[in-house]
Amino acid sequence: MVQALVELDENTNRVLNVVKAKYGLKDKGQAIQVVVEKYIEEENEPELRPEFIEKLQKIRKGNYIKFNSINELRKATS
């Protein structure tokens, strides 16, 4: 395990204390780990989730009518 001495501004310190309390963690190091893990899950996901891919495939299979202008669409719907 790597140890690091870091300087935190007051707001970051408060946020880490909230994360620490919310998850019942022993120290701020664990709180930093939780924050980084959440970041990796949300922002650094290299693949699309399978549910999203399925949804896109269903949309692609649908029957659609192509319109060249808004006026054509309005005529078709009226």
PDB file of N, CA and C in Angstrom:
ATOM      1  N   MET A   1       0.848  -1.177   0.000  1.00  0.00           N
ATOM      2  CA  MET A   1       0.000   0.000   0.000  1.00  0.00           C
ATOM      3  C   MET A   1       0.891   1.237   0.000  1.00  0.00           C
ATOM      4  N   VAL A   2       0.496   2.236  -0.763  1.00  0.00           N
ATOM      5  CA  VAL A   2       1.242   3.480  -0.868  1.00  0.00           C
ATOM      6  C   VAL A   2       0.699   4.463   0.159  1.00  0.00           C
ATOM      7  N   GLN A   3       1.599   5.172   0.791  1.00  0.00           N
ATOM      8  CA  GLN A   3       1.190   6.225   1.721  1.00  0.00           C
ATOM      9  C   GLN A   3       1.526   7.567   1.102  1.00  0.00           C
ATOM     10  N   ALA A   4       0.654   8.548   1.331  1.00  0.00           N
ATOM     11  CA  ALA A   4       0.877   9.872   0.767  1.00  0.00           C
ATOM     12  C   ALA A   4       0.431  10.928   1.754  1.00  0.00           C
ATOM     13  N   LEU A   5       1.183  11.988   1.815  1.00  0.00           N
ATOM     14  CA  LEU A   5       0.820  13.152   2.612  1.00  0.00           C
ATOM     15  C   LEU A   5       0.227  14.164   1.644  1.00  0.00           C
ATOM     16  N   VAL A   6      -1.037  14.515   1.835  1.00  0.00           N
ATOM     17  CA  VAL A   6      -1.713  15.427   0.902  1.00  0.00           C
ATOM     18  C   VAL A   6      -2.257  16.634   1.648  1.00  0.00           C
ATOM     19  N   GLU A   7      -2.313  17.745   0.934  1.00  0.00           N
ATOM     20  CA  GLU A   7      -2.928  18.949   1.480  1.00  0.00           C
ATOM     21  C   GLU A   7      -4.304  19.087   0.849  1.00  0.00           C
ATOM     22  N   LEU A   8      -5.314  19.293   1.674  1.00  0.00           N
ATOM     23  CA  LEU A   8      -6.688  19.410   1.212  1.00  0.00           C
ATOM     24  C   LEU A   8      -7.233  20.780   1.568  1.00  0.00           C
ATOM     25  N   ASP A   9      -8.010  21.353   0.661  1.00  0.00           N
ATOM     26  CA  ASP A   9      -8.678  22.592   1.052  1.00  0.00           C
ATOM     27  C   ASP A   9      -9.837  22.240   1.976  1.00  0.00           C
ATOM     28  N   GLU A  10     -10.425  23.251   2.570  1.00  0.00           N
ATOM     29  CA  GLU A  10     -11.454  23.031   3.592  1.00  0.00           C
ATOM     30  C   GLU A  10     -12.672  22.299   3.039  1.00  0.00           C
ATOM     31  N   ASN A  11     -13.093  22.648   1.838  1.00  0.00           N
ATOM     32  CA  ASN A  11     -14.274  22.022   1.240  1.00  0.00           C
ATOM     33  C   ASN A  11     -14.022  20.542   0.947  1.00  0.00           C
ATOM     34  N   THR A  12     -12.871  20.217   0.379  1.00  0.00           N
ATOM     35  CA  THR A  12     -12.539  18.824   0.099  1.00  0.00           C
ATOM     36  C   THR A  12     -12.478  18.020   1.386  1.00  0.00           C
ATOM     37  N   ASN A  13     -11.923  18.605   2.405  1.00  0.00           N
ATOM     38  CA  ASN A  13     -11.847  17.940   3.710  1.00  0.00           C
ATOM     39  C   ASN A  13     -13.244  17.624   4.237  1.00  0.00           C
ATOM     40  N   ARG A  14     -14.171  18.583   4.099  1.00  0.00           N
ATOM     41  CA  ARG A  14     -15.542  18.365   4.543  1.00  0.00           C
ATOM     42  C   ARG A  14     -16.203  17.243   3.759  1.00  0.00           C
ATOM     43  N   VAL A  15     -15.986  17.244   2.443  1.00  0.00           N
ATOM     44  CA  VAL A  15     -16.592  16.207   1.603  1.00  0.00           C
ATOM     45  C   VAL A  15     -16.066  14.838   1.998  1.00  0.00           C
ATOM     46  N   LEU A  16     -14.761  14.730   2.226  1.00  0.00           N
ATOM     47  CA  LEU A  16     -14.197  13.447   2.643  1.00  0.00           C
ATOM     48  C   LEU A  16     -14.754  13.009   3.992  1.00  0.00           C
ATOM     49  N   ASN A  17     -14.975  13.952   4.902  1.00  0.00           N
ATOM     50  CA  ASN A  17     -15.585  13.613   6.190  1.00  0.00           C
ATOM     51  C   ASN A  17     -17.006  13.091   6.011  1.00  0.00           C
ATOM     52  N   VAL A  18     -17.750  13.677   5.069  1.00  0.00           N
ATOM     53  CA  VAL A  18     -19.116  13.221   4.802  1.00  0.00           C
ATOM     54  C   VAL A  18     -19.089  11.807   4.225  1.00  0.00           C
ATOM     55  N   VAL A  19     -18.191  11.560   3.254  1.00  0.00           N
ATOM     56  CA  VAL A  19     -18.067  10.223   2.661  1.00  0.00           C
ATOM     57  C   VAL A  19     -17.674   9.216   3.733  1.00  0.00           C
ATOM     58  N   LYS A  20     -16.737   9.612   4.573  1.00  0.00           N
ATOM     59  CA  LYS A  20     -16.268   8.746   5.666  1.00  0.00           C
ATOM     60  C   LYS A  20     -17.425   8.368   6.596  1.00  0.00           C
ATOM     61  N   ALA A  21     -18.238   9.346   6.960  1.00  0.00           N
ATOM     62  CA  ALA A  21     -19.363   9.089   7.857  1.00  0.00           C
ATOM     63  C   ALA A  21     -20.456   8.270   7.162  1.00  0.00           C
ATOM     64  N   LYS A  22     -20.747   8.602   5.921  1.00  0.00           N
ATOM     65  CA  LYS A  22     -21.815   7.928   5.189  1.00  0.00           C
ATOM     66  C   LYS A  22     -21.539   6.439   5.029  1.00  0.00           C
ATOM     67  N   TYR A  23     -20.295   6.084   4.751  1.00  0.00           N
ATOM     68  CA  TYR A  23     -19.955   4.689   4.515  1.00  0.00           C
ATOM     69  C   TYR A  23     -19.351   4.003   5.744  1.00  0.00           C
ATOM     70  N   GLY A  24     -19.270   4.703   6.860  1.00  0.00           N
ATOM     71  CA  GLY A  24     -18.751   4.114   8.089  1.00  0.00           C
ATOM     72  C   GLY A  24     -17.282   3.718   7.981  1.00  0.00           C
ATOM     73  N   LEU A  25     -16.491   4.562   7.365  1.00  0.00           N
ATOM     74  CA  LEU A  25     -15.082   4.256   7.137  1.00  0.00           C
ATOM     75  C   LEU A  25     -14.236   4.690   8.323  1.00  0.00           C
ATOM     76  N   LYS A  26     -13.048   4.111   8.445  1.00  0.00           N
ATOM     77  CA  LYS A  26     -12.170   4.395   9.583  1.00  0.00           C
ATOM     78  C   LYS A  26     -11.343   5.664   9.399  1.00  0.00           C
ATOM     79  N   ASP A  27     -10.937   5.949   8.142  1.00  0.00           N
ATOM     80  CA  ASP A  27     -10.087   7.124   7.933  1.00  0.00           C
ATOM     81  C   ASP A  27     -10.352   7.753   6.564  1.00  0.00           C
ATOM     82  N   LYS A  28      -9.732   8.898   6.329  1.00  0.00           N
ATOM     83  CA  LYS A  28      -9.945   9.625   5.081  1.00  0.00           C
ATOM     84  C   LYS A  28      -9.312   8.910   3.894  1.00  0.00           C
ATOM     85  N   GLY A  29      -8.309   8.096   4.140  1.00  0.00           N
ATOM     86  CA  GLY A  29      -7.713   7.317   3.064  1.00  0.00           C
ATOM     87  C   GLY A  29      -8.737   6.391   2.422  1.00  0.00           C
ATOM     88  N   GLN A  30      -9.552   5.761   3.268  1.00  0.00           N
ATOM     89  CA  GLN A  30     -10.609   4.895   2.755  1.00  0.00           C
ATOM     90  C   GLN A  30     -11.663   5.721   2.012  1.00  0.00           C
ATOM     91  N   ALA A  31     -11.933   6.927   2.509  1.00  0.00           N
ATOM     92  CA  ALA A  31     -12.895   7.810   1.846  1.00  0.00           C
ATOM     93  C   ALA A  31     -12.390   8.193   0.459  1.00  0.00           C
ATOM     94  N   ILE A  32     -11.105   8.455   0.336  1.00  0.00           N
ATOM     95  CA  ILE A  32     -10.531   8.769  -0.969  1.00  0.00           C
ATOM     96  C   ILE A  32     -10.681   7.575  -1.905  1.00  0.00           C
ATOM     97  N   GLN A  33     -10.458   6.367  -1.395  1.00  0.00           N
ATOM     98  CA  GLN A  33     -10.629   5.161  -2.205  1.00  0.00           C
ATOM     99  C   GLN A  33     -12.055   5.047  -2.735  1.00  0.00           C
ATOM    100  N   VAL A  34     -13.040   5.308  -1.878  1.00  0.00           N
ATOM    101  CA  VAL A  34     -14.441   5.232  -2.293  1.00  0.00           C
ATOM    102  C   VAL A  34     -14.722   6.246  -3.396  1.00  0.00           C
ATOM    103  N   VAL A  35     -14.250   7.465  -3.221  1.00  0.00           N
ATOM    104  CA  VAL A  35     -14.482   8.513  -4.219  1.00  0.00           C
ATOM    105  C   VAL A  35     -13.851   8.123  -5.554  1.00  0.00           C
ATOM    106  N   VAL A  36     -12.637   7.610  -5.526  1.00  0.00           N
ATOM    107  CA  VAL A  36     -11.959   7.212  -6.758  1.00  0.00           C
ATOM    108  C   VAL A  36     -12.671   6.039  -7.418  1.00  0.00           C
ATOM    109  N   GLU A  37     -13.121   5.068  -6.639  1.00  0.00           N
ATOM    110  CA  GLU A  37     -13.848   3.925  -7.209  1.00  0.00           C
ATOM    111  C   GLU A  37     -15.136   4.376  -7.879  1.00  0.00           C
ATOM    112  N   LYS A  38     -15.853   5.298  -7.246  1.00  0.00           N
ATOM    113  CA  LYS A  38     -17.083   5.829  -7.847  1.00  0.00           C
ATOM    114  C   LYS A  38     -16.772   6.558  -9.146  1.00  0.00           C
ATOM    115  N   TYR A  39     -15.692   7.304  -9.168  1.00  0.00           N
ATOM    116  CA  TYR A  39     -15.284   8.011 -10.378  1.00  0.00           C
ATOM    117  C   TYR A  39     -15.000   7.011 -11.497  1.00  0.00           C
ATOM    118  N   ILE A  40     -14.270   5.962 -11.183  1.00  0.00           N
ATOM    119  CA  ILE A  40     -13.931   4.955 -12.188  1.00  0.00           C
ATOM    120  C   ILE A  40     -15.194   4.317 -12.751  1.00  0.00           C
ATOM    121  N   GLU A  41     -16.158   4.006 -11.884  1.00  0.00           N
ATOM    122  CA  GLU A  41     -17.408   3.401 -12.334  1.00  0.00           C
ATOM    123  C   GLU A  41     -18.187   4.332 -13.259  1.00  0.00           C
ATOM    124  N   GLU A  42     -18.250   5.605 -12.915  1.00  0.00           N
ATOM    125  CA  GLU A  42     -19.107   6.536 -13.643  1.00  0.00           C
ATOM    126  C   GLU A  42     -18.445   7.174 -14.858  1.00  0.00           C
ATOM    127  N   GLU A  43     -17.213   7.606 -14.726  1.00  0.00           N
ATOM    128  CA  GLU A  43     -16.583   8.412 -15.761  1.00  0.00           C
ATOM    129  C   GLU A  43     -15.596   7.666 -16.637  1.00  0.00           C
ATOM    130  N   ASN A  44     -15.023   6.621 -16.143  1.00  0.00           N
ATOM    131  CA  ASN A  44     -13.922   5.992 -16.848  1.00  0.00           C
ATOM    132  C   ASN A  44     -14.317   4.611 -17.369  1.00  0.00           C
ATOM    133  N   GLU A  45     -15.598   4.425 -17.636  1.00  0.00           N
ATOM    134  CA  GLU A  45     -16.084   3.132 -18.089  1.00  0.00           C
ATOM    135  C   GLU A  45     -15.749   2.960 -19.570  1.00  0.00           C
ATOM    136  N   PRO A  46     -14.876   2.011 -19.910  1.00  0.00           N
ATOM    137  CA  PRO A  46     -14.438   1.894 -21.299  1.00  0.00           C
ATOM    138  C   PRO A  46     -15.477   1.295 -22.242  1.00  0.00           C
ATOM    139  N   GLU A  47     -16.443   0.560 -21.740  1.00  0.00           N
ATOM    140  CA  GLU A  47     -17.444  -0.094 -22.570  1.00  0.00           C
ATOM    141  C   GLU A  47     -18.828   0.425 -22.235  1.00  0.00           C
ATOM    142  N   LEU A  48     -19.720   0.287 -23.182  1.00  0.00           N
ATOM    143  CA  LEU A  48     -21.118   0.615 -22.915  1.00  0.00           C
ATOM    144  C   LEU A  48     -21.756  -0.530 -22.149  1.00  0.00           C
ATOM    145  N   ARG A  49     -22.672  -0.192 -21.290  1.00  0.00           N
ATOM    146  CA  ARG A  49     -23.368  -1.219 -20.522  1.00  0.00           C
ATOM    147  C   ARG A  49     -24.243  -2.061 -21.447  1.00  0.00           C
ATOM    148  N   PRO A  50     -24.358  -3.357 -21.178  1.00  0.00           N
ATOM    149  CA  PRO A  50     -25.145  -4.249 -22.050  1.00  0.00           C
ATOM    150  C   PRO A  50     -26.604  -3.818 -22.197  1.00  0.00           C
ATOM    151  N   GLU A  51     -27.200  -3.274 -21.134  1.00  0.00           N
ATOM    152  CA  GLU A  51     -28.598  -2.843 -21.214  1.00  0.00           C
ATOM    153  C   GLU A  51     -28.754  -1.724 -22.232  1.00  0.00           C
ATOM    154  N   PHE A  52     -27.790  -0.811 -22.265  1.00  0.00           N
ATOM    155  CA  PHE A  52     -27.847   0.316 -23.183  1.00  0.00           C
ATOM    156  C   PHE A  52     -27.689  -0.168 -24.624  1.00  0.00           C
ATOM    157  N   ILE A  53     -26.802  -1.117 -24.856  1.00  0.00           N
ATOM    158  CA  ILE A  53     -26.598  -1.665 -26.193  1.00  0.00           C
ATOM    159  C   ILE A  53     -27.878  -2.345 -26.685  1.00  0.00           C
ATOM    160  N   GLU A  54     -28.539  -3.101 -25.812  1.00  0.00           N
ATOM    161  CA  GLU A  54     -29.812  -3.746 -26.169  1.00  0.00           C
ATOM    162  C   GLU A  54     -30.861  -2.716 -26.565  1.00  0.00           C
ATOM    163  N   LYS A  55     -30.926  -1.647 -25.792  1.00  0.00           N
ATOM    164  CA  LYS A  55     -31.901  -0.597 -26.067  1.00  0.00           C
ATOM    165  C   LYS A  55     -31.635   0.036 -27.435  1.00  0.00           C
ATOM    166  N   LEU A  56     -30.377   0.290 -27.747  1.00  0.00           N
ATOM    167  CA  LEU A  56     -30.028   0.860 -29.044  1.00  0.00           C
ATOM    168  C   LEU A  56     -30.391  -0.079 -30.185  1.00  0.00           C
ATOM    169  N   GLN A  57     -30.155  -1.365 -29.996  1.00  0.00           N
ATOM    170  CA  GLN A  57     -30.489  -2.343 -31.042  1.00  0.00           C
ATOM    171  C   GLN A  57     -31.984  -2.402 -31.295  1.00  0.00           C
ATOM    172  N   LYS A  58     -32.794  -2.305 -30.254  1.00  0.00           N
ATOM    173  CA  LYS A  58     -34.251  -2.302 -30.417  1.00  0.00           C
ATOM    174  C   LYS A  58     -34.704  -1.064 -31.183  1.00  0.00           C
ATOM    175  N   ILE A  59     -34.074   0.072 -30.887  1.00  0.00           N
ATOM    176  CA  ILE A  59     -34.426   1.311 -31.585  1.00  0.00           C
ATOM    177  C   ILE A  59     -34.088   1.186 -33.067  1.00  0.00           C
ATOM    178  N   ARG A  60     -32.952   0.616 -33.387  1.00  0.00           N
ATOM    179  CA  ARG A  60     -32.519   0.477 -34.785  1.00  0.00           C
ATOM    180  C   ARG A  60     -33.448  -0.422 -35.586  1.00  0.00           C
ATOM    181  N   LYS A  61     -34.074  -1.408 -34.945  1.00  0.00           N
ATOM    182  CA  LYS A  61     -34.940  -2.355 -35.644  1.00  0.00           C
ATOM    183  C   LYS A  61     -36.322  -1.780 -35.951  1.00  0.00           C
ATOM    184  N   GLY A  62     -36.656  -0.635 -35.396  1.00  0.00           N
ATOM    185  CA  GLY A  62     -37.987  -0.059 -35.553  1.00  0.00           C
ATOM    186  C   GLY A  62     -38.286   0.362 -36.973  1.00  0.00           C
ATOM    187  N   ASN A  63     -39.565   0.548 -37.279  1.00  0.00           N
ATOM    188  CA  ASN A  63     -40.003   1.030 -38.588  1.00  0.00           C
ATOM    189  C   ASN A  63     -40.127   2.546 -38.536  1.00  0.00           C
ATOM    190  N   TYR A  64     -39.421   3.203 -39.445  1.00  0.00           N
ATOM    191  CA  TYR A  64     -39.396   4.651 -39.439  1.00  0.00           C
ATOM    192  C   TYR A  64     -39.717   5.184 -40.822  1.00  0.00           C
ATOM    193  N   ILE A  65     -40.262   6.371 -40.858  1.00  0.00           N
ATOM    194  CA  ILE A  65     -40.548   7.061 -42.111  1.00  0.00           C
ATOM    195  C   ILE A  65     -39.594   8.253 -42.188  1.00  0.00           C
ATOM    196  N   LYS A  66     -38.949   8.385 -43.335  1.00  0.00           N
ATOM    197  CA  LYS A  66     -37.998   9.482 -43.506  1.00  0.00           C
ATOM    198  C   LYS A  66     -38.717  10.675 -44.132  1.00  0.00           C
ATOM    199  N   PHE A  67     -38.490  11.847 -43.557  1.00  0.00           N
ATOM    200  CA  PHE A  67     -39.048  13.092 -44.071  1.00  0.00           C
ATOM    201  C   PHE A  67     -37.901  14.004 -44.465  1.00  0.00           C
ATOM    202  N   ASN A  68     -38.101  14.723 -45.569  1.00  0.00           N
ATOM    203  CA  ASN A  68     -37.064  15.640 -46.051  1.00  0.00           C
ATOM    204  C   ASN A  68     -37.221  17.045 -45.494  1.00  0.00           C
ATOM    205  N   SER A  69     -38.384  17.327 -44.935  1.00  0.00           N
ATOM    206  CA  SER A  69     -38.603  18.658 -44.379  1.00  0.00           C
ATOM    207  C   SER A  69     -39.674  18.592 -43.295  1.00  0.00           C
ATOM    208  N   ILE A  70     -39.764  19.659 -42.557  1.00  0.00           N
ATOM    209  CA  ILE A  70     -40.788  19.786 -41.513  1.00  0.00           C
ATOM    210  C   ILE A  70     -42.173  19.817 -42.163  1.00  0.00           C
ATOM    211  N   ASN A  71     -42.274  20.469 -43.313  1.00  0.00           N
ATOM    212  CA  ASN A  71     -43.562  20.562 -43.990  1.00  0.00           C
ATOM    213  C   ASN A  71     -44.079  19.181 -44.376  1.00  0.00           C
ATOM    214  N   GLU A  72     -43.209  18.304 -44.860  1.00  0.00           N
ATOM    215  CA  GLU A  72     -43.631  16.938 -45.183  1.00  0.00           C
ATOM    216  C   GLU A  72     -44.147  16.216 -43.944  1.00  0.00           C
ATOM    217  N   LEU A  73     -43.470  16.404 -42.829  1.00  0.00           N
ATOM    218  CA  LEU A  73     -43.902  15.795 -41.576  1.00  0.00           C
ATOM    219  C   LEU A  73     -45.259  16.317 -41.163  1.00  0.00           C
ATOM    220  N   ARG A  74     -45.450  17.610 -41.275  1.00  0.00           N
ATOM    221  CA  ARG A  74     -46.737  18.210 -40.887  1.00  0.00           C
ATOM    222  C   ARG A  74     -47.869  17.705 -41.765  1.00  0.00           C
ATOM    223  N   LYS A  75     -47.611  17.556 -43.060  1.00  0.00           N
ATOM    224  CA  LYS A  75     -48.629  17.043 -43.971  1.00  0.00           C
ATOM    225  C   LYS A  75     -49.005  15.605 -43.638  1.00  0.00           C
ATOM    226  N   ALA A  76     -48.002  14.821 -43.284  1.00  0.00           N
ATOM    227  CA  ALA A  76     -48.248  13.406 -42.964  1.00  0.00           C
ATOM    228  C   ALA A  76     -49.005  13.234 -41.671  1.00  0.00           C
ATOM    229  N   THR A  77     -48.826  14.123 -40.717  1.00  0.00           N
ATOM    230  CA  THR A  77     -49.464  13.975 -39.404  1.00  0.00           C
ATOM    231  C   THR A  77     -50.810  14.687 -39.326  1.00  0.00           C
ATOM    232  N   SER A  78     -51.150  15.484 -40.332  1.00  0.00           N
ATOM    233  CA  SER A  78     -52.435  16.195 -40.247  1.00  0.00           C
ATOM    234  C   SER A  78     -53.534  15.499 -40.987  1.00  0.00           C
TER     235      SER A  78
END
